Protein backbone atom coordinates (compact mmCIF):
# COMPACT_ATOMS: atom_id res chain seq x y z
CA MET A 1 -0.01 0.05 0.03
CA LYS A 2 1.29 3.46 -0.90
CA HIS A 3 2.01 5.85 2.10
CA PHE A 4 1.40 8.94 -0.19
CA ARG A 5 -1.03 10.13 -2.74
CA ILE A 6 -0.07 11.80 -6.14
CA ILE A 7 -1.86 14.91 -6.49
CA THR A 8 -2.71 16.91 -9.64
CA ASP A 9 -1.99 20.71 -10.23
CA LYS A 10 -5.88 21.18 -9.94
CA GLU A 11 -6.05 19.19 -6.66
CA LEU A 12 -3.21 21.08 -5.31
CA LYS A 13 -4.52 24.53 -6.28
CA LYS A 14 -7.87 23.69 -4.40
CA LEU A 15 -6.02 22.56 -1.45
CA LEU A 16 -3.91 25.74 -1.36
CA GLU A 17 -7.11 27.89 -1.60
CA GLY A 18 -8.91 26.05 0.96
CA PRO A 19 -9.51 26.75 4.59
CA ARG A 20 -6.76 24.50 5.91
CA PRO A 21 -3.82 24.91 3.27
CA PRO A 22 -1.16 22.12 3.33
CA ILE A 23 2.52 22.73 4.05
CA LEU A 24 3.97 22.86 0.70
CA ILE A 25 7.79 21.97 0.34
CA ASP A 26 10.05 22.49 -2.66
CA VAL A 27 12.91 20.05 -2.25
CA ARG A 28 15.12 21.51 -5.29
CA ASP A 29 18.26 23.38 -4.58
CA ASN A 30 18.08 27.19 -3.63
CA ASP A 31 19.05 28.22 -7.14
CA GLU A 32 16.25 26.25 -8.82
CA PHE A 33 13.79 27.71 -6.13
CA CYS A 34 14.59 31.00 -6.91
CA LYS A 35 14.16 30.81 -10.63
CA GLY A 36 10.37 29.95 -9.92
CA HIS A 37 8.22 28.04 -7.51
CA ILE A 38 4.79 27.75 -6.32
CA LYS A 39 3.69 30.74 -4.25
CA THR A 40 3.65 30.00 -0.47
CA SER A 41 5.98 26.76 -0.76
CA LYS A 42 8.94 26.49 1.47
CA ASN A 43 12.37 25.75 0.12
CA ILE A 44 14.08 22.68 1.92
CA PRO A 45 16.78 21.18 -0.38
CA ILE A 46 16.46 17.32 -0.23
CA GLU A 47 19.91 16.96 1.30
CA ASP A 48 18.48 18.84 4.44
CA PHE A 49 15.09 17.57 4.25
CA GLU A 50 15.09 15.14 7.12
CA ASP A 51 16.84 17.28 9.58
CA ALA A 52 14.87 20.27 8.75
CA ILE A 53 11.36 18.46 9.12
CA LYS A 54 12.73 17.26 12.44
CA LYS A 55 13.49 20.43 13.63
CA MET A 56 10.02 21.92 12.57
CA LYS A 57 8.32 19.52 14.94
CA LEU A 58 5.18 19.25 12.94
CA ASN A 59 1.98 17.38 14.05
CA ASN A 60 2.05 14.06 12.34
CA ASN A 61 -1.43 14.86 10.92
CA ALA A 62 -0.18 17.85 9.09
CA ILE A 63 -0.92 18.00 5.39
CA ILE A 64 2.38 17.95 3.61
CA VAL A 65 2.88 18.32 -0.04
CA VAL A 66 6.31 18.00 -1.70
CA TYR A 67 7.62 18.58 -5.09
CA CYS A 68 10.97 18.97 -6.92
CA LYS A 69 12.20 19.10 -10.75
CA THR A 70 11.44 15.73 -11.95
CA GLY A 71 9.54 13.73 -9.14
CA LYS A 72 12.65 11.63 -7.93
CA SER A 73 13.60 13.86 -5.01
CA SER A 74 9.87 14.22 -3.91
CA LEU A 75 9.61 10.42 -3.89
CA ILE A 76 12.62 10.40 -1.54
CA ALA A 77 10.90 13.15 0.62
CA CYS A 78 7.59 11.24 0.81
CA ASN A 79 9.58 8.07 2.19
CA ILE A 80 11.23 10.30 4.59
CA LEU A 81 7.93 11.87 5.74
CA LYS A 82 6.56 8.28 6.09
CA ASP A 83 9.36 7.12 8.12
CA LEU A 84 9.07 9.95 10.48
CA GLY A 85 5.39 9.01 11.02
CA PHE A 86 3.44 11.54 8.91
CA LYS A 87 0.08 10.33 7.63
CA LYS A 88 -1.01 12.88 5.12
CA ILE A 89 1.34 12.98 2.46
CA TYR A 90 0.98 14.12 -1.04
CA ASN A 91 3.63 14.10 -3.86
CA PHE A 92 3.17 16.70 -6.69
CA ARG A 93 6.26 15.35 -8.33
CA GLY A 94 7.66 17.86 -10.67
CA ILE A 95 7.34 21.66 -10.92
CA ASP A 96 6.58 21.16 -14.63
CA ASN A 97 3.28 19.65 -13.48
CA TRP A 98 2.17 23.08 -12.13
CA HIS A 99 0.22 24.97 -14.99
CA TYR A 100 -0.33 28.18 -12.97
CA LYS A 101 1.73 31.14 -12.45
CA LEU A 102 5.06 30.70 -10.54
CA LYS A 103 6.51 32.95 -8.00
CA CYS A 104 10.17 34.13 -8.70
CA ASN A 105 12.53 35.67 -6.10
């Protein structure tokens, strides 16, 4: 059984606009993040992901959505979240799946 659900851009947009938006995490490196990311996303590069999540002391029922460039690092992030006991994990996979405006720093 999968421990996360793959989410589409329409589903993610609806979640982000809802009453309880998810924690949205971009696991790409800082340079990629600065070139364009989904508004409200937090940048935590995959190499720092596990330590950063532990430091955040989030509730295990927090809704967390992760994405990267191609879906490979977001899959790793989903597995880390599962191992840390999170229950509401969504994998948006790659940033190219987002068909709305990106925020640039």
